[in-house]
């Protein structure tokens, strides 16, 4: 009988701690959500007070990027560039954001078969992927013009030129990398 009671109370005790643990996880999640909302609200308030401060727009871009609000993040990043075309970090964040779209495109490309419809879709996806790269070219070129000789950025642009078949761009970037 004593063992039955021990087992009985032991399981209730474990259940109690599981409930406490789940409650603590919920509280932590709500805290993170609240903190994120406060930061967003402060940044929006800052924009209201300082409409021409690119840092506020950049921070909102980062915040929305992290939340998965791609379109809104892109808008904030573009507004940052509009306000300050020399704001270096925005270019790399925007390129990274744009290239996130490549993952879904490649995944769909890899899942296609060899039917006529699949081949047409593959061509469409290839064009979409090229458009992503073309969008990144101008941003990377602008970043390089501001920052100078950044090896990783130069290599990324070189690779994009290769994929696009832009031989002049490839030559130019090879020379820049060798400098």
Foldseek 3Di string as FASTA:
>chain_A
DVVVVVVVVVVVVVVVVVVVVVVVVVVVVVVVVVVLVVLLVVLVVVCVVPVLDLVSLQVNLVSCVVVVVLVSSLVSLVSSCVSPVLPQVSLVVNLVSLCVVVVVLVVLLVPADPDPVSVVVNVVSLVVNLVSLVVSLVSLVSNCVNPPQDQVSLVVNLVSCVSVVPVVSVVVSVVSNVD
